[in-house]
Amino acid sequence: MCQKNKIKISVIVPVFNAQNTISKCLDSLINQSLLDIEIICVNDGSSDNSLKILQEYKNKDVRIRVVNQENSGVAIAKNMALTLAKGEFIGFLDSDDWVSLNFYESLYNVASQYDADIAVSSILKYYSEYQIETLLDYSDINIYEKTSEKLEVAQIPKFNYIWNKIYRRSMLLENNITFPISNMYEDAVFTLKAITLLEKMVTVPQGIYYYFDNNNSLTKSSKNLRKDFLISCRYVRNFIEEHNLSWKFLNLYPYYQKDSIKICGLPILIIKRNFVQDKLYLFGIIKIGDIFHKKRY
């Protein structure tokens, strides 16, 4: 078990109505080959048996900490956990996903060996035991320090994922990197900041993150998703301006360049995102585009 002040990785797990998946998620954590971890589970006002299951796991493993809050959103849940974390590195795990049993040991060992601030793993997208898709696959250990290279190798913004990575906690604190509140696209903003401001990134061929394609996990309306996406666009533009970054980075974020386009002088919105489809219509009549949104929680 991890000893006080000897925690290598703090794993943050935001939880909302995850009674059907949280056990598999936590089983993959408590059986990690790396023992020196803490597991911070933030129950965000679940109305099912999630909190009960979390308490049962806490009673079995002293490394698990359970925080219970009123439903406030995933960003607040993760920010709360960040203030509590004590590990040398921070990791995130969605409550319907799981990781290979060597996942955190592999990332930690490589990050430590090369003095990296971020370590990135491969991702398998899991639909069922008969249908698995490789999203990211790193076959070698490689080190990257240029921002453009880090964004390209991590395939940002195509995969704005926080959870297939570990981040050096001291660097997150030093650069004041947290999640924007009331925004369903908070991971995109966090990932851009972390990969840009944390100096050295390393890819890790060992260890796999299993991302479960849970189509039932959406928690916001299409109207709110569109609003949140525009907010994230502004976060990205403001971040680039504030840090005097080259505007060439917006070539990697083509849909962040403008909030909208115009047809016949009328502003409309065409956004493309991954996974869940929502149609947009001009005056409610003519279909003009699609929104794709990754699952929440």
C-alpha atoms as a PDB file:
ATOM      1  CA  MET A   1       0.000   0.000   0.000  1.00  0.00           C
ATOM      2  CA  CYS A   2       1.081   3.560  -0.560  1.00  0.00           C
ATOM      3  CA  GLN A   3       2.548   5.373   2.419  1.00  0.00           C
ATOM      4  CA  LYS A   4       1.915   8.960   3.362  1.00  0.00           C
ATOM      5  CA  ASN A   5       3.809  11.382   1.101  1.00  0.00           C
ATOM      6  CA  LYS A   6       4.911   8.485  -1.097  1.00  0.00           C
ATOM      7  CA  ILE A   7       2.043   8.567  -3.565  1.00  0.00           C
ATOM      8  CA  LYS A   8       3.260   8.271  -7.132  1.00  0.00           C
ATOM      9  CA  ILE A   9      -0.039   8.822  -8.956  1.00  0.00           C
ATOM     10  CA  SER A  10      -3.374  10.273  -7.872  1.00  0.00           C
ATOM     11  CA  VAL A  11      -6.115   8.812 -10.063  1.00  0.00           C
ATOM     12  CA  ILE A  12      -9.236  10.985 -10.256  1.00  0.00           C
ATOM     13  CA  VAL A  13     -12.555   9.282 -11.042  1.00  0.00           C
ATOM     14  CA  PRO A  14     -15.631  11.537 -11.439  1.00  0.00           C
ATOM     15  CA  VAL A  15     -18.796   9.494 -10.921  1.00  0.00           C
ATOM     16  CA  PHE A  16     -22.385  10.179 -11.927  1.00  0.00           C
ATOM     17  CA  ASN A  17     -25.021   7.419 -12.086  1.00  0.00           C
ATOM     18  CA  ALA A  18     -22.405   4.798 -12.941  1.00  0.00           C
ATOM     19  CA  GLN A  19     -23.702   1.833 -10.948  1.00  0.00           C
ATOM     20  CA  ASN A  20     -23.450  -0.485 -13.965  1.00  0.00           C
ATOM     21  CA  THR A  21     -19.832   0.310 -14.810  1.00  0.00           C
ATOM     22  CA  ILE A  22     -18.024   1.642 -11.744  1.00  0.00           C
ATOM     23  CA  SER A  23     -17.091  -1.789 -10.358  1.00  0.00           C
ATOM     24  CA  LYS A  24     -15.127  -2.752 -13.466  1.00  0.00           C
ATOM     25  CA  CYS A  25     -13.471   0.657 -13.424  1.00  0.00           C
ATOM     26  CA  LEU A  26     -12.391   0.372  -9.788  1.00  0.00           C
ATOM     27  CA  ASP A  27     -11.340  -3.269 -10.114  1.00  0.00           C
ATOM     28  CA  SER A  28      -8.845  -2.193 -12.764  1.00  0.00           C
ATOM     29  CA  LEU A  29      -7.462   0.392 -10.329  1.00  0.00           C
ATOM     30  CA  ILE A  30      -7.185  -1.571  -7.097  1.00  0.00           C
ATOM     31  CA  ASN A  31      -5.406  -4.359  -8.989  1.00  0.00           C
ATOM     32  CA  GLN A  32      -2.801  -2.108 -10.595  1.00  0.00           C
ATOM     33  CA  SER A  33       0.766  -3.409 -10.547  1.00  0.00           C
ATOM     34  CA  LEU A  34       1.764   0.026  -9.238  1.00  0.00           C
ATOM     35  CA  LEU A  35       0.693  -0.017  -5.593  1.00  0.00           C
ATOM     36  CA  ASP A  36       1.671   3.535  -4.658  1.00  0.00           C
ATOM     37  CA  ILE A  37      -1.449   5.226  -5.973  1.00  0.00           C
ATOM     38  CA  GLU A  38      -4.402   7.003  -4.442  1.00  0.00           C
ATOM     39  CA  ILE A  39      -7.861   6.805  -5.992  1.00  0.00           C
ATOM     40  CA  ILE A  40     -10.056   9.888  -5.562  1.00  0.00           C
ATOM     41  CA  CYS A  41     -13.681   9.215  -6.489  1.00  0.00           C
ATOM     42  CA  VAL A  42     -15.992  12.232  -6.629  1.00  0.00           C
ATOM     43  CA  ASN A  43     -19.662  11.288  -6.589  1.00  0.00           C
ATOM     44  CA  ASP A  44     -21.452  14.133  -8.355  1.00  0.00           C
ATOM     45  CA  GLY A  45     -24.926  13.739  -6.882  1.00  0.00           C
ATOM     46  CA  SER A  46     -25.698  10.314  -8.348  1.00  0.00           C
ATOM     47  CA  SER A  47     -29.322   9.180  -7.950  1.00  0.00           C
ATOM     48  CA  ASP A  48     -28.542   5.465  -8.348  1.00  0.00           C
ATOM     49  CA  ASN A  49     -26.398   3.130  -6.219  1.00  0.00           C
ATOM     50  CA  SER A  50     -23.065   4.620  -7.287  1.00  0.00           C
ATOM     51  CA  LEU A  51     -22.277   6.116  -3.880  1.00  0.00           C
ATOM     52  CA  LYS A  52     -23.067   2.846  -2.099  1.00  0.00           C
ATOM     53  CA  ILE A  53     -20.729   0.948  -4.429  1.00  0.00           C
ATOM     54  CA  LEU A  54     -17.990   3.539  -3.894  1.00  0.00           C
ATOM     55  CA  GLN A  55     -18.291   3.187  -0.128  1.00  0.00           C
ATOM     56  CA  GLU A  56     -18.039  -0.602  -0.409  1.00  0.00           C
ATOM     57  CA  TYR A  57     -14.800  -0.292  -2.390  1.00  0.00           C
ATOM     58  CA  LYS A  58     -13.467   2.298   0.046  1.00  0.00           C
ATOM     59  CA  ASN A  59     -13.996  -0.172   2.882  1.00  0.00           C
ATOM     60  CA  LYS A  60     -11.968  -2.771   0.954  1.00  0.00           C
ATOM     61  CA  ASP A  61      -9.025  -0.565  -0.047  1.00  0.00           C
ATOM     62  CA  VAL A  62      -7.556   2.254   2.035  1.00  0.00           C
ATOM     63  CA  ARG A  63      -6.162   3.920  -1.084  1.00  0.00           C
ATOM     64  CA  ILE A  64      -9.682   4.907  -2.150  1.00  0.00           C
ATOM     65  CA  ARG A  65     -11.072   8.261  -1.072  1.00  0.00           C
ATOM     66  CA  VAL A  66     -14.741   9.073  -1.697  1.00  0.00           C
ATOM     67  CA  VAL A  67     -15.948  12.657  -1.972  1.00  0.00           C
ATOM     68  CA  ASN A  68     -19.697  13.232  -2.153  1.00  0.00           C
ATOM     69  CA  GLN A  69     -21.046  16.480  -3.580  1.00  0.00           C
ATOM     70  CA  GLU A  70     -24.344  17.802  -4.871  1.00  0.00           C
ATOM     71  CA  ASN A  71     -24.711  17.533  -8.625  1.00  0.00           C
ATOM     72  CA  SER A  72     -22.441  20.337  -9.826  1.00  0.00           C
ATOM     73  CA  GLY A  73     -20.957  19.018 -13.060  1.00  0.00           C
ATOM     74  CA  VAL A  74     -17.904  17.038 -14.059  1.00  0.00           C
ATOM     75  CA  ALA A  75     -15.567  20.063 -14.192  1.00  0.00           C
ATOM     76  CA  ILE A  76     -16.233  20.990 -10.569  1.00  0.00           C
ATOM     77  CA  ALA A  77     -15.847  17.341  -9.562  1.00  0.00           C
ATOM     78  CA  LYS A  78     -12.423  17.108 -11.208  1.00  0.00           C
ATOM     79  CA  ASN A  79     -11.262  20.461  -9.863  1.00  0.00           C
ATOM     80  CA  MET A  80     -12.281  19.381  -6.371  1.00  0.00           C
ATOM     81  CA  ALA A  81     -10.218  16.211  -6.715  1.00  0.00           C
ATOM     82  CA  LEU A  82      -7.223  18.180  -8.006  1.00  0.00           C
ATOM     83  CA  THR A  83      -7.166  20.190  -4.774  1.00  0.00           C
ATOM     84  CA  LEU A  84      -7.102  16.962  -2.749  1.00  0.00           C
ATOM     85  CA  ALA A  85      -4.539  15.042  -4.792  1.00  0.00           C
ATOM     86  CA  LYS A  86      -1.125  14.324  -3.257  1.00  0.00           C
ATOM     87  CA  GLY A  87       0.527  12.250  -5.964  1.00  0.00           C
ATOM     88  CA  GLU A  88       3.623  13.107  -7.954  1.00  0.00           C
ATOM     89  CA  PHE A  89       1.487  12.667 -11.075  1.00  0.00           C
ATOM     90  CA  ILE A  90      -2.228  13.048 -11.798  1.00  0.00           C
ATOM     91  CA  GLY A  91      -4.294  10.613 -13.843  1.00  0.00           C
ATOM     92  CA  PHE A  92      -7.964  10.607 -14.801  1.00  0.00           C
ATOM     93  CA  LEU A  93     -10.274   7.659 -15.376  1.00  0.00           C
ATOM     94  CA  ASP A  94     -13.883   7.871 -16.553  1.00  0.00           C
ATOM     95  CA  SER A  95     -16.251   5.780 -14.466  1.00  0.00           C
ATOM     96  CA  ASP A  96     -17.334   3.648 -17.430  1.00  0.00           C
ATOM     97  CA  ASP A  97     -13.789   2.962 -18.659  1.00  0.00           C
ATOM     98  CA  TRP A  98     -10.948   0.806 -17.343  1.00  0.00           C
ATOM     99  CA  VAL A  99      -7.198   0.359 -17.782  1.00  0.00           C
ATOM    100  CA  SER A 100      -4.780  -2.533 -18.217  1.00  0.00           C
ATOM    101  CA  LEU A 101      -3.287  -3.703 -14.934  1.00  0.00           C
ATOM    102  CA  ASN A 102       0.168  -2.355 -15.840  1.00  0.00           C
ATOM    103  CA  PHE A 103      -1.187   0.961 -17.095  1.00  0.00           C
ATOM    104  CA  TYR A 104      -0.063   3.375 -14.399  1.00  0.00           C
ATOM    105  CA  GLU A 105       3.194   1.578 -13.665  1.00  0.00           C
ATOM    106  CA  SER A 106       4.129   1.761 -17.356  1.00  0.00           C
ATOM    107  CA  LEU A 107       3.347   5.462 -17.631  1.00  0.00           C
ATOM    108  CA  TYR A 108       5.013   6.334 -14.340  1.00  0.00           C
ATOM    109  CA  ASN A 109       8.226   4.420 -15.025  1.00  0.00           C
ATOM    110  CA  VAL A 110       8.707   5.948 -18.473  1.00  0.00           C
ATOM    111  CA  ALA A 111       7.822   9.459 -17.289  1.00  0.00           C
ATOM    112  CA  SER A 112      10.293   9.124 -14.409  1.00  0.00           C
ATOM    113  CA  GLN A 113      13.051   7.643 -16.560  1.00  0.00           C
ATOM    114  CA  TYR A 114      12.895  10.499 -19.066  1.00  0.00           C
ATOM    115  CA  ASP A 115      11.927  13.232 -16.585  1.00  0.00           C
ATOM    116  CA  ALA A 116       8.763  13.923 -18.593  1.00  0.00           C
ATOM    117  CA  ASP A 117       5.857  16.078 -17.452  1.00  0.00           C
ATOM    118  CA  ILE A 118       3.266  14.153 -19.485  1.00  0.00           C
ATOM    119  CA  ALA A 119       3.149  10.482 -20.457  1.00  0.00           C
ATOM    120  CA  VAL A 120       0.663   9.348 -23.123  1.00  0.00           C
ATOM    121  CA  SER A 121      -0.677   5.836 -23.717  1.00  0.00           C
ATOM    122  CA  SER A 122      -2.488   3.927 -26.442  1.00  0.00           C
ATOM    123  CA  ILE A 123      -6.309   3.811 -26.498  1.00  0.00           C
ATOM    124  CA  LEU A 124      -8.658   0.991 -27.402  1.00  0.00           C
ATOM    125  CA  LYS A 125     -12.299   1.906 -27.970  1.00  0.00           C
ATOM    126  CA  TYR A 126     -14.471  -0.886 -26.602  1.00  0.00           C
ATOM    127  CA  TYR A 127     -17.944  -1.480 -28.039  1.00  0.00           C
ATOM    128  CA  SER A 128     -18.257  -5.118 -26.942  1.00  0.00           C
ATOM    129  CA  GLU A 129     -15.924  -8.075 -26.454  1.00  0.00           C
ATOM    130  CA  TYR A 130     -16.356  -8.744 -30.167  1.00  0.00           C
ATOM    131  CA  GLN A 131     -15.862  -5.178 -31.385  1.00  0.00           C
ATOM    132  CA  ILE A 132     -12.778  -3.202 -30.363  1.00  0.00           C
ATOM    133  CA  GLU A 133     -11.208  -0.314 -32.283  1.00  0.00           C
ATOM    134  CA  THR A 134      -7.692   1.079 -31.882  1.00  0.00           C
ATOM    135  CA  LEU A 135      -7.821   4.864 -31.576  1.00  0.00           C
ATOM    136  CA  LEU A 136      -4.204   5.541 -30.629  1.00  0.00           C
ATOM    137  CA  ASP A 137      -1.304   3.111 -30.847  1.00  0.00           C
ATOM    138  CA  TYR A 138       2.212   3.996 -29.731  1.00  0.00           C
ATOM    139  CA  SER A 139       4.781   1.327 -30.573  1.00  0.00           C
ATOM    140  CA  ASP A 140       7.876   3.157 -29.293  1.00  0.00           C
ATOM    141  CA  ILE A 141       9.031   5.453 -26.528  1.00  0.00           C
ATOM    142  CA  ASN A 142       9.547   8.902 -28.015  1.00  0.00           C
ATOM    143  CA  ILE A 143      10.164  12.276 -26.395  1.00  0.00           C
ATOM    144  CA  TYR A 144       8.661  15.549 -27.611  1.00  0.00           C
ATOM    145  CA  GLU A 145       9.261  19.087 -26.390  1.00  0.00           C
ATOM    146  CA  LYS A 146       8.039  21.317 -29.227  1.00  0.00           C
ATOM    147  CA  THR A 147       4.396  22.293 -28.789  1.00  0.00           C
ATOM    148  CA  SER A 148       3.511  21.578 -32.408  1.00  0.00           C
ATOM    149  CA  GLU A 149       5.011  18.077 -32.171  1.00  0.00           C
ATOM    150  CA  LYS A 150       3.275  17.326 -28.880  1.00  0.00           C
ATOM    151  CA  LEU A 151      -0.112  18.350 -30.262  1.00  0.00           C
ATOM    152  CA  GLU A 152       0.419  16.331 -33.432  1.00  0.00           C
ATOM    153  CA  VAL A 153       1.631  13.153 -31.723  1.00  0.00           C
ATOM    154  CA  ALA A 154      -1.162  13.228 -29.134  1.00  0.00           C
ATOM    155  CA  GLN A 155      -3.574  13.865 -32.037  1.00  0.00           C
ATOM    156  CA  ILE A 156      -5.012  17.003 -30.506  1.00  0.00           C
ATOM    157  CA  PRO A 157      -7.728  18.145 -31.052  1.00  0.00           C
ATOM    158  CA  LYS A 158      -9.041  14.959 -32.692  1.00  0.00           C
ATOM    159  CA  PHE A 159      -8.598  13.141 -29.389  1.00  0.00           C
ATOM    160  CA  ASN A 160      -9.030  15.762 -26.656  1.00  0.00           C
ATOM    161  CA  TYR A 161      -8.742  13.071 -24.030  1.00  0.00           C
ATOM    162  CA  ILE A 162      -7.333  13.708 -20.565  1.00  0.00           C
ATOM    163  CA  TRP A 163      -7.517  10.111 -19.392  1.00  0.00           C
ATOM    164  CA  ASN A 164      -4.879   8.304 -21.490  1.00  0.00           C
ATOM    165  CA  LYS A 165      -2.214  10.483 -19.888  1.00  0.00           C
ATOM    166  CA  ILE A 166      -0.563  11.268 -16.584  1.00  0.00           C
ATOM    167  CA  TYR A 167       0.494  14.818 -15.724  1.00  0.00           C
ATOM    168  CA  ARG A 168       3.165  16.019 -13.303  1.00  0.00           C
ATOM    169  CA  ARG A 169       1.124  17.609 -10.522  1.00  0.00           C
ATOM    170  CA  SER A 170       3.677  20.282  -9.627  1.00  0.00           C
ATOM    171  CA  MET A 171       3.564  21.548 -13.219  1.00  0.00           C
ATOM    172  CA  LEU A 172      -0.240  21.661 -13.225  1.00  0.00           C
ATOM    173  CA  LEU A 173      -0.103  23.741 -10.047  1.00  0.00           C
ATOM    174  CA  GLU A 174       2.689  25.971 -11.315  1.00  0.00           C
ATOM    175  CA  ASN A 175       0.743  26.760 -14.483  1.00  0.00           C
ATOM    176  CA  ASN A 176      -2.650  26.948 -12.750  1.00  0.00           C
ATOM    177  CA  ILE A 177      -4.171  24.346 -15.068  1.00  0.00           C
ATOM    178  CA  THR A 178      -7.722  23.439 -14.061  1.00  0.00           C
ATOM    179  CA  PHE A 179     -11.022  22.730 -15.804  1.00  0.00           C
ATOM    180  CA  PRO A 180     -13.296  25.572 -16.954  1.00  0.00           C
ATOM    181  CA  ILE A 181     -16.594  25.482 -15.096  1.00  0.00           C
ATOM    182  CA  SER A 182     -19.979  24.851 -16.746  1.00  0.00           C
ATOM    183  CA  ASN A 183     -18.508  23.591 -19.975  1.00  0.00           C
ATOM    184  CA  MET A 184     -19.055  20.129 -21.441  1.00  0.00           C
ATOM    185  CA  TYR A 185     -15.872  20.570 -23.493  1.00  0.00           C
ATOM    186  CA  GLU A 186     -13.635  21.210 -20.489  1.00  0.00           C
ATOM    187  CA  ASP A 187     -11.310  18.349 -21.422  1.00  0.00           C
ATOM    188  CA  ALA A 188     -10.367  20.061 -24.696  1.00  0.00           C
ATOM    189  CA  VAL A 189      -9.303  23.209 -22.866  1.00  0.00           C
ATOM    190  CA  PHE A 190      -7.411  21.309 -20.146  1.00  0.00           C
ATOM    191  CA  THR A 191      -5.582  19.145 -22.681  1.00  0.00           C
ATOM    192  CA  LEU A 192      -4.496  22.098 -24.817  1.00  0.00           C
ATOM    193  CA  LYS A 193      -3.175  23.947 -21.779  1.00  0.00           C
ATOM    194  CA  ALA A 194      -1.357  20.935 -20.361  1.00  0.00           C
ATOM    195  CA  ILE A 195       0.312  19.847 -23.585  1.00  0.00           C
ATOM    196  CA  THR A 196       1.310  23.427 -24.393  1.00  0.00           C
ATOM    197  CA  LEU A 197       2.587  24.521 -20.976  1.00  0.00           C
ATOM    198  CA  LEU A 198       4.084  21.296 -19.621  1.00  0.00           C
ATOM    199  CA  GLU A 199       7.492  21.020 -21.206  1.00  0.00           C
ATOM    200  CA  LYS A 200       8.274  17.394 -22.016  1.00  0.00           C
ATOM    201  CA  MET A 201       5.920  14.664 -23.264  1.00  0.00           C
ATOM    202  CA  VAL A 202       6.725  10.984 -23.761  1.00  0.00           C
ATOM    203  CA  THR A 203       4.754   8.249 -25.533  1.00  0.00           C
ATOM    204  CA  VAL A 204       4.450   4.873 -23.808  1.00  0.00           C
ATOM    205  CA  PRO A 205       3.932   1.642 -25.790  1.00  0.00           C
ATOM    206  CA  GLN A 206       3.005  -0.432 -22.733  1.00  0.00           C
ATOM    207  CA  GLY A 207      -0.275   0.031 -20.917  1.00  0.00           C
ATOM    208  CA  ILE A 208      -3.664   0.440 -22.558  1.00  0.00           C
ATOM    209  CA  TYR A 209      -6.640   2.651 -21.753  1.00  0.00           C
ATOM    210  CA  TYR A 210      -9.979   0.989 -22.567  1.00  0.00           C
ATOM    211  CA  TYR A 211     -12.526   3.587 -23.567  1.00  0.00           C
ATOM    212  CA  PHE A 212     -16.077   2.214 -23.358  1.00  0.00           C
ATOM    213  CA  ASP A 213     -18.446   3.613 -25.971  1.00  0.00           C
ATOM    214  CA  ASN A 214     -21.416   4.338 -23.717  1.00  0.00           C
ATOM    215  CA  ASN A 215     -24.118   6.026 -25.764  1.00  0.00           C
ATOM    216  CA  ASN A 216     -26.330   6.470 -22.710  1.00  0.00           C
ATOM    217  CA  SER A 217     -24.027   8.838 -20.841  1.00  0.00           C
ATOM    218  CA  LEU A 218     -24.993  12.180 -22.373  1.00  0.00           C
ATOM    219  CA  THR A 219     -26.220  14.593 -19.739  1.00  0.00           C
ATOM    220  CA  LYS A 220     -26.880  17.850 -21.566  1.00  0.00           C
ATOM    221  CA  SER A 221     -29.248  19.035 -24.239  1.00  0.00           C
ATOM    222  CA  SER A 222     -28.120  19.826 -27.763  1.00  0.00           C
ATOM    223  CA  LYS A 223     -28.749  23.506 -27.106  1.00  0.00           C
ATOM    224  CA  ASN A 224     -26.367  23.483 -24.149  1.00  0.00           C
ATOM    225  CA  LEU A 225     -23.796  21.471 -26.095  1.00  0.00           C
ATOM    226  CA  ARG A 226     -23.703  24.123 -28.818  1.00  0.00           C
ATOM    227  CA  LYS A 227     -23.384  26.862 -26.236  1.00  0.00           C
ATOM    228  CA  ASP A 228     -20.595  25.031 -24.423  1.00  0.00           C
ATOM    229  CA  PHE A 229     -18.732  24.397 -27.651  1.00  0.00           C
ATOM    230  CA  LEU A 230     -18.695  28.107 -28.445  1.00  0.00           C
ATOM    231  CA  ILE A 231     -17.398  28.801 -24.946  1.00  0.00           C
ATOM    232  CA  SER A 232     -14.565  26.327 -25.505  1.00  0.00           C
ATOM    233  CA  CYS A 233     -13.765  28.053 -28.824  1.00  0.00           C
ATOM    234  CA  ARG A 234     -13.274  31.306 -26.964  1.00  0.00           C
ATOM    235  CA  TYR A 235     -11.141  29.630 -24.293  1.00  0.00           C
ATOM    236  CA  VAL A 236      -8.847  28.251 -26.992  1.00  0.00           C
ATOM    237  CA  ARG A 237      -8.514  31.558 -28.850  1.00  0.00           C
ATOM    238  CA  ASN A 238      -7.923  33.490 -25.632  1.00  0.00           C
ATOM    239  CA  PHE A 239      -5.316  30.968 -24.490  1.00  0.00           C
ATOM    240  CA  ILE A 240      -3.379  31.292 -27.748  1.00  0.00           C
ATOM    241  CA  GLU A 241      -3.459  35.086 -27.543  1.00  0.00           C
ATOM    242  CA  GLU A 242      -2.544  35.274 -23.845  1.00  0.00           C
ATOM    243  CA  HIS A 243       0.467  33.001 -24.275  1.00  0.00           C
ATOM    244  CA  ASN A 244       1.681  34.605 -27.503  1.00  0.00           C
ATOM    245  CA  LEU A 245       1.482  31.322 -29.362  1.00  0.00           C
ATOM    246  CA  SER A 246       1.663  31.224 -33.115  1.00  0.00           C
ATOM    247  CA  TRP A 247      -1.711  31.307 -34.832  1.00  0.00           C
ATOM    248  CA  LYS A 248      -0.542  28.311 -36.840  1.00  0.00           C
ATOM    249  CA  PHE A 249      -1.866  26.229 -33.933  1.00  0.00           C
ATOM    250  CA  LEU A 250      -5.367  27.108 -35.044  1.00  0.00           C
ATOM    251  CA  ASN A 251      -4.683  25.028 -38.149  1.00  0.00           C
ATOM    252  CA  LEU A 252      -4.960  22.084 -35.749  1.00  0.00           C
ATOM    253  CA  TYR A 253      -8.222  23.547 -34.442  1.00  0.00           C
ATOM    254  CA  PRO A 254     -10.074  24.476 -37.641  1.00  0.00           C
ATOM    255  CA  TYR A 255     -13.467  24.528 -35.966  1.00  0.00           C
ATOM    256  CA  TYR A 256     -12.176  26.867 -33.253  1.00  0.00           C
ATOM    257  CA  GLN A 257     -11.281  29.627 -35.693  1.00  0.00           C
ATOM    258  CA  LYS A 258     -14.727  31.194 -35.848  1.00  0.00           C
ATOM    259  CA  ASP A 259     -17.835  30.898 -33.751  1.00  0.00           C
ATOM    260  CA  SER A 260     -19.990  30.712 -36.836  1.00  0.00           C
ATOM    261  CA  ILE A 261     -20.177  31.220 -40.556  1.00  0.00           C
ATOM    262  CA  LYS A 262     -22.755  33.242 -42.422  1.00  0.00           C
ATOM    263  CA  ILE A 263     -25.213  32.361 -45.157  1.00  0.00           C
ATOM    264  CA  CYS A 264     -26.939  35.343 -46.768  1.00  0.00           C
ATOM    265  CA  GLY A 265     -25.600  37.477 -43.935  1.00  0.00           C
ATOM    266  CA  LEU A 266     -27.209  35.296 -41.274  1.00  0.00           C
ATOM    267  CA  PRO A 267     -24.967  33.719 -38.638  1.00  0.00           C
ATOM    268  CA  ILE A 268     -25.306  29.967 -38.386  1.00  0.00           C
ATOM    269  CA  LEU A 269     -23.282  27.321 -36.672  1.00  0.00           C
ATOM    270  CA  ILE A 270     -21.635  24.297 -38.273  1.00  0.00           C
ATOM    271  CA  ILE A 271     -19.536  22.237 -35.920  1.00  0.00           C
ATOM    272  CA  LYS A 272     -18.160  18.741 -36.283  1.00  0.00           C
ATOM    273  CA  ARG A 273     -17.314  16.692 -33.232  1.00  0.00           C
ATOM    274  CA  ASN A 274     -16.907  12.988 -32.575  1.00  0.00           C
ATOM    275  CA  PHE A 275     -19.376  10.269 -31.764  1.00  0.00           C
ATOM    276  CA  VAL A 276     -22.925  11.490 -30.958  1.00  0.00           C
ATOM    277  CA  GLN A 277     -24.808  13.177 -33.758  1.00  0.00           C
ATOM    278  CA  ASP A 278     -27.198  16.125 -33.487  1.00  0.00           C
ATOM    279  CA  LYS A 279     -28.630  17.851 -36.549  1.00  0.00           C
ATOM    280  CA  LEU A 280     -28.639  21.608 -36.950  1.00  0.00           C
ATOM    281  CA  TYR A 281     -31.235  23.375 -39.036  1.00  0.00           C
ATOM    282  CA  LEU A 282     -31.509  26.841 -40.528  1.00  0.00           C
ATOM    283  CA  PHE A 283     -34.816  28.320 -39.346  1.00  0.00           C
ATOM    284  CA  GLY A 284     -35.750  24.776 -38.314  1.00  0.00           C
ATOM    285  CA  ILE A 285     -36.211  23.788 -41.967  1.00  0.00           C
ATOM    286  CA  ILE A 286     -32.956  23.235 -43.867  1.00  0.00           C
ATOM    287  CA  LYS A 287     -30.357  20.884 -42.414  1.00  0.00           C
ATOM    288  CA  ILE A 288     -27.003  22.658 -42.474  1.00  0.00           C
ATOM    289  CA  GLY A 289     -24.632  20.577 -40.375  1.00  0.00           C
ATOM    290  CA  ASP A 290     -23.978  18.086 -37.661  1.00  0.00           C
ATOM    291  CA  ILE A 291     -22.679  18.245 -34.149  1.00  0.00           C
ATOM    292  CA  PHE A 292     -20.708  15.364 -32.736  1.00  0.00           C
ATOM    293  CA  HIS A 293     -20.119  15.184 -29.032  1.00  0.00           C
ATOM    294  CA  LYS A 294     -18.145  12.777 -26.896  1.00  0.00           C
ATOM    295  CA  LYS A 295     -19.875  11.168 -23.964  1.00  0.00           C
ATOM    296  CA  ARG A 296     -19.750  12.767 -20.540  1.00  0.00           C
ATOM    297  CA  TYR A 297     -19.017  10.752 -17.475  1.00  0.00           C
END
